[in-house]
C-alpha atoms as a PDB file:
ATOM      1  CA  UNK A   1      -5.300 -26.147 -24.396  1.00  0.00           C
ATOM      2  CA  UNK A   2      -4.664 -23.162 -22.349  1.00  0.00           C
ATOM      3  CA  UNK A   3      -2.316 -23.711 -19.285  1.00  0.00           C
ATOM      4  CA  UNK A   4      -5.007 -22.794 -16.759  1.00  0.00           C
ATOM      5  CA  UNK A   5      -7.065 -25.761 -17.760  1.00  0.00           C
ATOM      6  CA  UNK A   6      -4.105 -28.400 -17.817  1.00  0.00           C
ATOM      7  CA  UNK A   7      -3.589 -30.536 -15.088  1.00  0.00           C
ATOM      8  CA  UNK A   8      -0.481 -29.527 -12.809  1.00  0.00           C
ATOM      9  CA  UNK A   9       1.821 -32.174 -11.641  1.00  0.00           C
ATOM     10  CA  UNK A  10       4.005 -31.756  -8.769  1.00  0.00           C
ATOM     11  CA  UNK A  11       7.441 -33.558  -9.627  1.00  0.00           C
ATOM     12  CA  UNK A  12       9.330 -33.058  -6.433  1.00  0.00           C
ATOM     13  CA  UNK A  13       8.827 -31.327  -3.038  1.00  0.00           C
ATOM     14  CA  UNK A  14      11.575 -30.653  -0.394  1.00  0.00           C
ATOM     15  CA  UNK A  15      10.044 -29.451   2.856  1.00  0.00           C
ATOM     16  CA  UNK A  16      12.069 -27.829   5.929  1.00  0.00           C
ATOM     17  CA  UNK A  17      10.241 -27.446   9.091  1.00  0.00           C
ATOM     18  CA  UNK A  18       6.817 -27.716   7.175  1.00  0.00           C
ATOM     19  CA  UNK A  19       3.829 -29.809   8.821  1.00  0.00           C
ATOM     20  CA  UNK A  20       2.186 -32.288   6.205  1.00  0.00           C
ATOM     21  CA  UNK A  21      -1.193 -30.227   6.349  1.00  0.00           C
ATOM     22  CA  UNK A  22       0.654 -27.041   5.817  1.00  0.00           C
ATOM     23  CA  UNK A  23       2.708 -28.629   2.893  1.00  0.00           C
ATOM     24  CA  UNK A  24      -0.698 -29.649   1.259  1.00  0.00           C
ATOM     25  CA  UNK A  25      -2.295 -26.178   1.481  1.00  0.00           C
ATOM     26  CA  UNK A  26       0.992 -24.437   0.121  1.00  0.00           C
ATOM     27  CA  UNK A  27       1.090 -26.984  -2.785  1.00  0.00           C
ATOM     28  CA  UNK A  28      -2.435 -25.669  -3.662  1.00  0.00           C
ATOM     29  CA  UNK A  29      -1.224 -22.112  -3.701  1.00  0.00           C
ATOM     30  CA  UNK A  30       1.820 -23.210  -5.754  1.00  0.00           C
ATOM     31  CA  UNK A  31      -0.480 -24.853  -8.380  1.00  0.00           C
ATOM     32  CA  UNK A  32      -2.578 -21.591  -8.440  1.00  0.00           C
ATOM     33  CA  UNK A  33       0.248 -19.323  -8.891  1.00  0.00           C
ATOM     34  CA  UNK A  34       1.854 -21.504 -11.434  1.00  0.00           C
ATOM     35  CA  UNK A  35      -1.477 -21.469 -13.701  1.00  0.00           C
ATOM     36  CA  UNK A  36      -1.977 -17.770 -13.074  1.00  0.00           C
ATOM     37  CA  UNK A  37       1.822 -17.003 -14.316  1.00  0.00           C
ATOM     38  CA  UNK A  38       1.692 -19.475 -17.190  1.00  0.00           C
ATOM     39  CA  UNK A  39      -0.927 -17.464 -18.927  1.00  0.00           C
ATOM     40  CA  UNK A  40       1.754 -14.478 -19.339  1.00  0.00           C
ATOM     41  CA  UNK A  41       5.297 -13.998 -20.705  1.00  0.00           C
ATOM     42  CA  UNK A  42       6.720 -13.725 -17.182  1.00  0.00           C
ATOM     43  CA  UNK A  43       9.471 -16.026 -16.226  1.00  0.00           C
ATOM     44  CA  UNK A  44       9.753 -15.067 -12.814  1.00  0.00           C
ATOM     45  CA  UNK A  45       7.631 -14.049 -10.283  1.00  0.00           C
ATOM     46  CA  UNK A  46       7.389 -13.025  -6.477  1.00  0.00           C
ATOM     47  CA  UNK A  47       4.377 -13.196  -4.271  1.00  0.00           C
ATOM     48  CA  UNK A  48       3.470 -12.336  -0.743  1.00  0.00           C
ATOM     49  CA  UNK A  49       0.976 -15.167   0.123  1.00  0.00           C
ATOM     50  CA  UNK A  50      -0.773 -12.725   2.468  1.00  0.00           C
ATOM     51  CA  UNK A  51      -2.174 -11.294  -0.901  1.00  0.00           C
ATOM     52  CA  UNK A  52      -4.018 -14.608  -1.704  1.00  0.00           C
ATOM     53  CA  UNK A  53      -7.423 -14.741  -0.627  1.00  0.00           C
ATOM     54  CA  UNK A  54      -7.435 -18.220   1.093  1.00  0.00           C
ATOM     55  CA  UNK A  55      -4.036 -17.451   2.719  1.00  0.00           C
ATOM     56  CA  UNK A  56      -5.775 -16.893   6.038  1.00  0.00           C
ATOM     57  CA  UNK A  57      -8.124 -19.889   6.165  1.00  0.00           C
ATOM     58  CA  UNK A  58      -5.230 -22.274   4.716  1.00  0.00           C
ATOM     59  CA  UNK A  59      -2.790 -21.133   7.698  1.00  0.00           C
ATOM     60  CA  UNK A  60      -0.285 -19.708   5.017  1.00  0.00           C
ATOM     61  CA  UNK A  61       0.183 -15.984   6.336  1.00  0.00           C
ATOM     62  CA  UNK A  62       3.442 -14.816   6.199  1.00  0.00           C
ATOM     63  CA  UNK A  63       4.888 -16.903   3.484  1.00  0.00           C
ATOM     64  CA  UNK A  64       6.559 -15.650   0.358  1.00  0.00           C
ATOM     65  CA  UNK A  65       6.639 -17.518  -2.931  1.00  0.00           C
ATOM     66  CA  UNK A  66       9.371 -17.260  -5.507  1.00  0.00           C
ATOM     67  CA  UNK A  67       8.135 -18.955  -8.865  1.00  0.00           C
ATOM     68  CA  UNK A  68      10.474 -19.191 -12.055  1.00  0.00           C
ATOM     69  CA  UNK A  69       9.666 -20.947 -15.399  1.00  0.00           C
ATOM     70  CA  UNK A  70      12.521 -22.914 -16.874  1.00  0.00           C
ATOM     71  CA  UNK A  71      13.055 -24.746 -20.023  1.00  0.00           C
ATOM     72  CA  UNK A  72      14.616 -28.317 -19.444  1.00  0.00           C
ATOM     73  CA  UNK A  73      15.200 -30.112 -22.694  1.00  0.00           C
ATOM     74  CA  UNK A  74      12.020 -29.594 -24.730  1.00  0.00           C
ATOM     75  CA  UNK A  75       9.933 -29.163 -21.582  1.00  0.00           C
ATOM     76  CA  UNK A  76       8.986 -26.384 -19.327  1.00  0.00           C
ATOM     77  CA  UNK A  77       9.301 -26.824 -15.493  1.00  0.00           C
ATOM     78  CA  UNK A  78       8.192 -24.394 -12.704  1.00  0.00           C
ATOM     79  CA  UNK A  79      10.272 -24.133  -9.620  1.00  0.00           C
ATOM     80  CA  UNK A  80       8.814 -22.544  -6.569  1.00  0.00           C
ATOM     81  CA  UNK A  81      10.200 -21.600  -3.103  1.00  0.00           C
ATOM     82  CA  UNK A  82       8.023 -20.978  -0.231  1.00  0.00           C
ATOM     83  CA  UNK A  83       9.820 -19.089   2.755  1.00  0.00           C
ATOM     84  CA  UNK A  84       8.679 -17.944   6.045  1.00  0.00           C
ATOM     85  CA  UNK A  85      11.293 -17.601   8.874  1.00  0.00           C
ATOM     86  CA  UNK A  86      13.121 -21.005   9.254  1.00  0.00           C
ATOM     87  CA  UNK A  87      10.220 -22.654   7.236  1.00  0.00           C
ATOM     88  CA  UNK A  88      10.961 -23.419   3.566  1.00  0.00           C
ATOM     89  CA  UNK A  89       9.074 -25.664   0.772  1.00  0.00           C
ATOM     90  CA  UNK A  90      10.945 -26.192  -2.546  1.00  0.00           C
ATOM     91  CA  UNK A  91       8.679 -27.582  -5.088  1.00  0.00           C
ATOM     92  CA  UNK A  92       9.471 -28.562  -8.919  1.00  0.00           C
ATOM     93  CA  UNK A  93       5.939 -28.903 -11.070  1.00  0.00           C
ATOM     94  CA  UNK A  94       4.961 -29.090 -14.615  1.00  0.00           C
ATOM     95  CA  UNK A  95       1.838 -29.129 -16.741  1.00  0.00           C
ATOM     96  CA  UNK A  96       0.460 -32.365 -18.259  1.00  0.00           C
END
C-alpha cells in the first residue's frame, strides 16, 4: 500500500508556547507533509507553511516546518519541527 493511503501515527509531540487548537492544526499539516514527502526519495524537506492552501484558515501563517525521514532499527520515523518566533512544536510520527 502506498504511504499516502496508510494511516499516519503521531508518536510524540513537544509543544512550546503552542495553544491546543493550534497544535491540532499543525499536526494536520504535519501528516499532510509527511504523506506528500513519503512518496519521494527525499530524506529532508523544509516548508514555508504560508504556501499551504489551508494555512490561513487554520491560523498557521508564519510557521516553517523542517521534516526528516530517519531509520530507527527496522522502521521509518518522521521528525518534524514547526517554528514561528518563540513558538515551537516538535513531532515524531510513522505510518501504520
